[in-house]
Amino acid sequence: MKIFHADIMCPTCTRSIDLGLGLAGQASQPKPGDVAVCAHCFELLMFTGPTTVGVLGEESLEQLSANMRKAITVAREHLANHAQPTCTES
């Protein structure tokens, strides 16, 4: 399922980010300031524009509300614990 209309790449693993889910599981289009977790490398990211992301640094992370920090930590742990192996070239 691809919901974004532009190629958005994780700056850490360079894999495509093509699906966004809100905390309640609904599909959503990103906007600047939105926080995300890469489903491939589990990096914490922040949208800097509608189609660009940067790594969410410690300073930016600390500026988020306690509830948001907890929510993205839980989301990151969930992704890491339930990740499906990705295809690799042989």
N, C-alpha and C. Protein backbone atom coordinates (compact mmCIF):
# COMPACT_ATOMS: atom_id res chain seq x y z
N MET A 1 0.85 -1.17 0.00
CA MET A 1 0.00 0.00 0.00
C MET A 1 0.89 1.24 0.00
N LYS A 2 0.72 2.07 -0.97
CA LYS A 2 1.49 3.30 -1.06
C LYS A 2 0.53 4.47 -1.01
N ILE A 3 0.74 5.36 -0.03
CA ILE A 3 -0.17 6.49 0.05
C ILE A 3 0.50 7.82 -0.24
N PHE A 4 1.83 7.86 -0.22
CA PHE A 4 2.52 9.11 -0.52
C PHE A 4 2.70 9.21 -2.03
N HIS A 5 2.66 10.43 -2.52
CA HIS A 5 2.79 10.64 -3.95
C HIS A 5 4.20 11.06 -4.36
N ALA A 6 5.12 11.06 -3.43
CA ALA A 6 6.50 11.43 -3.73
C ALA A 6 7.42 10.41 -3.09
N ASP A 7 8.61 10.28 -3.62
CA ASP A 7 9.58 9.38 -3.02
C ASP A 7 10.19 10.07 -1.80
N ILE A 8 9.96 9.49 -0.66
CA ILE A 8 10.52 9.98 0.60
C ILE A 8 11.49 8.92 1.07
N MET A 9 12.72 9.31 1.33
CA MET A 9 13.75 8.35 1.70
C MET A 9 14.20 8.58 3.14
N CYS A 10 14.40 7.48 3.86
CA CYS A 10 14.98 7.57 5.20
C CYS A 10 16.44 8.01 5.05
N PRO A 11 16.86 9.04 5.77
CA PRO A 11 18.24 9.50 5.63
C PRO A 11 19.26 8.53 6.25
N THR A 12 18.80 7.60 7.06
CA THR A 12 19.71 6.65 7.70
C THR A 12 19.94 5.41 6.84
N CYS A 13 18.85 4.77 6.41
CA CYS A 13 19.00 3.51 5.66
C CYS A 13 18.71 3.68 4.17
N THR A 14 18.27 4.84 3.75
CA THR A 14 17.94 5.22 2.37
C THR A 14 16.81 4.39 1.76
N ARG A 15 16.03 3.70 2.59
CA ARG A 15 14.87 2.96 2.09
C ARG A 15 13.70 3.91 1.93
N SER A 16 12.78 3.54 1.07
CA SER A 16 11.61 4.36 0.78
C SER A 16 10.63 4.34 1.95
N ILE A 17 10.10 5.51 2.26
CA ILE A 17 9.03 5.64 3.24
C ILE A 17 7.79 5.97 2.42
N ASP A 18 6.86 5.02 2.31
CA ASP A 18 5.73 5.25 1.43
C ASP A 18 4.38 5.03 2.10
N LEU A 19 4.38 4.91 3.42
CA LEU A 19 3.12 4.74 4.13
C LEU A 19 3.23 5.44 5.47
N GLY A 20 2.24 6.20 5.80
CA GLY A 20 2.20 6.85 7.10
C GLY A 20 0.95 6.45 7.84
N LEU A 21 1.11 6.04 9.07
CA LEU A 21 -0.03 5.73 9.92
C LEU A 21 0.01 6.61 11.14
N GLY A 22 -1.13 7.17 11.49
CA GLY A 22 -1.22 7.94 12.72
C GLY A 22 -1.19 7.00 13.91
N LEU A 23 -1.11 7.55 15.10
CA LEU A 23 -1.03 6.73 16.30
C LEU A 23 -2.25 5.83 16.47
N ALA A 24 -3.39 6.23 15.92
CA ALA A 24 -4.59 5.41 16.01
C ALA A 24 -4.67 4.40 14.87
N GLY A 25 -3.65 4.36 14.00
CA GLY A 25 -3.60 3.40 12.91
C GLY A 25 -4.21 3.88 11.61
N GLN A 26 -4.67 5.12 11.55
CA GLN A 26 -5.27 5.63 10.33
C GLN A 26 -4.18 6.13 9.37
N ALA A 27 -4.41 5.94 8.08
CA ALA A 27 -3.46 6.44 7.08
C ALA A 27 -3.49 7.96 7.11
N SER A 28 -2.33 8.58 6.92
CA SER A 28 -2.27 10.04 6.97
C SER A 28 -1.16 10.56 6.07
N GLN A 29 -1.36 11.76 5.57
CA GLN A 29 -0.33 12.45 4.81
C GLN A 29 0.52 13.24 5.79
N PRO A 30 1.84 13.19 5.66
CA PRO A 30 2.70 13.90 6.61
C PRO A 30 2.71 15.40 6.37
N LYS A 31 3.01 16.13 7.44
CA LYS A 31 3.20 17.57 7.34
C LYS A 31 4.43 17.93 8.16
N PRO A 32 5.06 19.06 7.87
CA PRO A 32 6.26 19.45 8.61
C PRO A 32 6.02 19.42 10.12
N GLY A 33 6.98 18.83 10.84
CA GLY A 33 6.88 18.71 12.28
C GLY A 33 6.35 17.36 12.74
N ASP A 34 5.74 16.59 11.82
CA ASP A 34 5.27 15.25 12.18
C ASP A 34 6.47 14.35 12.45
N VAL A 35 6.30 13.45 13.39
CA VAL A 35 7.35 12.52 13.78
C VAL A 35 7.02 11.15 13.20
N ALA A 36 8.05 10.43 12.80
CA ALA A 36 7.87 9.11 12.20
C ALA A 36 8.96 8.16 12.68
N VAL A 37 8.70 6.88 12.49
CA VAL A 37 9.70 5.85 12.75
C VAL A 37 9.87 5.08 11.45
N CYS A 38 11.11 4.95 10.99
CA CYS A 38 11.37 4.18 9.78
C CYS A 38 11.07 2.71 10.07
N ALA A 39 10.26 2.10 9.23
CA ALA A 39 9.89 0.69 9.42
C ALA A 39 11.01 -0.26 9.05
N HIS A 40 12.08 0.26 8.43
CA HIS A 40 13.19 -0.60 8.01
C HIS A 40 14.33 -0.60 9.02
N CYS A 41 14.73 0.60 9.49
CA CYS A 41 15.88 0.69 10.41
C CYS A 41 15.49 1.21 11.79
N PHE A 42 14.21 1.61 11.94
CA PHE A 42 13.65 2.06 13.21
C PHE A 42 14.20 3.40 13.70
N GLU A 43 14.79 4.17 12.78
CA GLU A 43 15.28 5.50 13.11
C GLU A 43 14.10 6.41 13.41
N LEU A 44 14.27 7.30 14.39
CA LEU A 44 13.27 8.31 14.66
C LEU A 44 13.48 9.47 13.70
N LEU A 45 12.42 9.88 13.03
CA LEU A 45 12.50 10.90 11.98
C LEU A 45 11.50 12.01 12.25
N MET A 46 11.78 13.18 11.67
CA MET A 46 10.82 14.28 11.70
C MET A 46 10.69 14.83 10.29
N PHE A 47 9.45 15.03 9.86
CA PHE A 47 9.23 15.63 8.56
C PHE A 47 9.63 17.09 8.62
N THR A 48 10.48 17.50 7.67
CA THR A 48 10.93 18.89 7.58
C THR A 48 10.16 19.63 6.49
N GLY A 49 9.46 18.87 5.67
CA GLY A 49 8.61 19.38 4.61
C GLY A 49 7.64 18.27 4.27
N PRO A 50 6.75 18.50 3.34
CA PRO A 50 5.76 17.47 3.02
C PRO A 50 6.38 16.20 2.42
N THR A 51 7.58 16.31 1.85
CA THR A 51 8.21 15.13 1.24
C THR A 51 9.66 14.94 1.66
N THR A 52 10.06 15.55 2.79
CA THR A 52 11.43 15.41 3.26
C THR A 52 11.44 15.11 4.75
N VAL A 53 12.41 14.27 5.15
CA VAL A 53 12.56 13.93 6.56
C VAL A 53 14.01 14.08 6.97
N GLY A 54 14.20 14.30 8.25
CA GLY A 54 15.52 14.34 8.84
C GLY A 54 15.50 13.48 10.09
N VAL A 55 16.68 13.12 10.57
CA VAL A 55 16.77 12.34 11.80
C VAL A 55 16.30 13.22 12.95
N LEU A 56 15.48 12.67 13.81
CA LEU A 56 14.98 13.39 14.98
C LEU A 56 16.08 13.38 16.04
N GLY A 57 16.72 14.51 16.22
CA GLY A 57 17.83 14.61 17.17
C GLY A 57 17.34 14.64 18.61
N GLU A 58 18.28 14.46 19.53
CA GLU A 58 17.96 14.45 20.96
C GLU A 58 17.28 15.74 21.40
N GLU A 59 17.76 16.88 20.90
CA GLU A 59 17.17 18.17 21.29
C GLU A 59 15.72 18.25 20.85
N SER A 60 15.43 17.85 19.62
CA SER A 60 14.06 17.87 19.12
C SER A 60 13.20 16.87 19.87
N LEU A 61 13.76 15.71 20.17
CA LEU A 61 13.03 14.68 20.91
C LEU A 61 12.63 15.20 22.29
N GLU A 62 13.54 15.90 22.95
CA GLU A 62 13.26 16.43 24.28
C GLU A 62 12.19 17.52 24.26
N GLN A 63 12.01 18.16 23.12
CA GLN A 63 11.01 19.22 23.01
C GLN A 63 9.59 18.66 22.82
N LEU A 64 9.48 17.38 22.51
CA LEU A 64 8.16 16.77 22.34
C LEU A 64 7.53 16.55 23.71
N SER A 65 6.21 16.49 23.72
CA SER A 65 5.52 16.23 24.98
C SER A 65 5.88 14.82 25.48
N ALA A 66 5.72 14.61 26.78
CA ALA A 66 6.01 13.30 27.36
C ALA A 66 5.14 12.23 26.71
N ASN A 67 3.88 12.55 26.44
CA ASN A 67 2.99 11.58 25.80
C ASN A 67 3.48 11.21 24.40
N MET A 68 3.96 12.21 23.64
CA MET A 68 4.45 11.94 22.28
C MET A 68 5.73 11.12 22.34
N ARG A 69 6.64 11.45 23.25
CA ARG A 69 7.88 10.65 23.38
C ARG A 69 7.55 9.21 23.71
N LYS A 70 6.60 9.00 24.61
CA LYS A 70 6.21 7.64 24.98
C LYS A 70 5.58 6.94 23.78
N ALA A 71 4.71 7.62 23.04
CA ALA A 71 4.04 7.02 21.89
C ALA A 71 5.03 6.59 20.82
N ILE A 72 6.02 7.44 20.51
CA ILE A 72 6.96 7.05 19.45
C ILE A 72 7.92 5.97 19.94
N THR A 73 8.22 5.95 21.23
CA THR A 73 9.07 4.88 21.77
C THR A 73 8.34 3.55 21.68
N VAL A 74 7.05 3.54 22.03
CA VAL A 74 6.25 2.32 21.94
C VAL A 74 6.13 1.88 20.48
N ALA A 75 5.89 2.84 19.57
CA ALA A 75 5.78 2.50 18.14
C ALA A 75 7.08 1.91 17.62
N ARG A 76 8.20 2.51 18.01
CA ARG A 76 9.51 2.02 17.56
C ARG A 76 9.76 0.60 18.08
N GLU A 77 9.46 0.37 19.34
CA GLU A 77 9.66 -0.97 19.91
C GLU A 77 8.74 -1.99 19.25
N HIS A 78 7.51 -1.58 18.97
CA HIS A 78 6.57 -2.49 18.29
C HIS A 78 7.08 -2.86 16.90
N LEU A 79 7.54 -1.87 16.15
CA LEU A 79 8.09 -2.14 14.82
C LEU A 79 9.28 -3.08 14.91
N ALA A 80 10.18 -2.81 15.82
CA ALA A 80 11.39 -3.63 15.95
C ALA A 80 11.06 -5.06 16.35
N ASN A 81 10.04 -5.23 17.19
CA ASN A 81 9.68 -6.57 17.66
C ASN A 81 8.83 -7.34 16.67
N HIS A 82 8.21 -6.65 15.72
CA HIS A 82 7.31 -7.32 14.77
C HIS A 82 7.75 -7.15 13.32
N ALA A 83 8.97 -6.72 13.12
CA ALA A 83 9.46 -6.49 11.76
C ALA A 83 9.55 -7.80 10.99
N GLN A 84 9.14 -7.73 9.75
CA GLN A 84 9.27 -8.86 8.84
C GLN A 84 10.63 -8.75 8.15
N PRO A 85 11.29 -9.86 7.94
CA PRO A 85 12.56 -9.79 7.21
C PRO A 85 12.34 -9.17 5.83
N THR A 86 13.26 -8.31 5.44
CA THR A 86 13.15 -7.70 4.11
C THR A 86 13.96 -8.52 3.11
N CYS A 87 13.59 -8.41 1.87
CA CYS A 87 14.30 -9.14 0.82
C CYS A 87 15.69 -8.58 0.67
N THR A 88 16.65 -9.43 0.46
CA THR A 88 18.02 -9.01 0.19
C THR A 88 18.47 -9.65 -1.09
N GLU A 89 19.37 -8.97 -1.76
CA GLU A 89 19.91 -9.53 -3.00
C GLU A 89 20.89 -10.64 -2.67
N SER A 90 20.88 -11.70 -3.48
CA SER A 90 21.84 -12.78 -3.24
C SER A 90 23.02 -12.72 -4.16
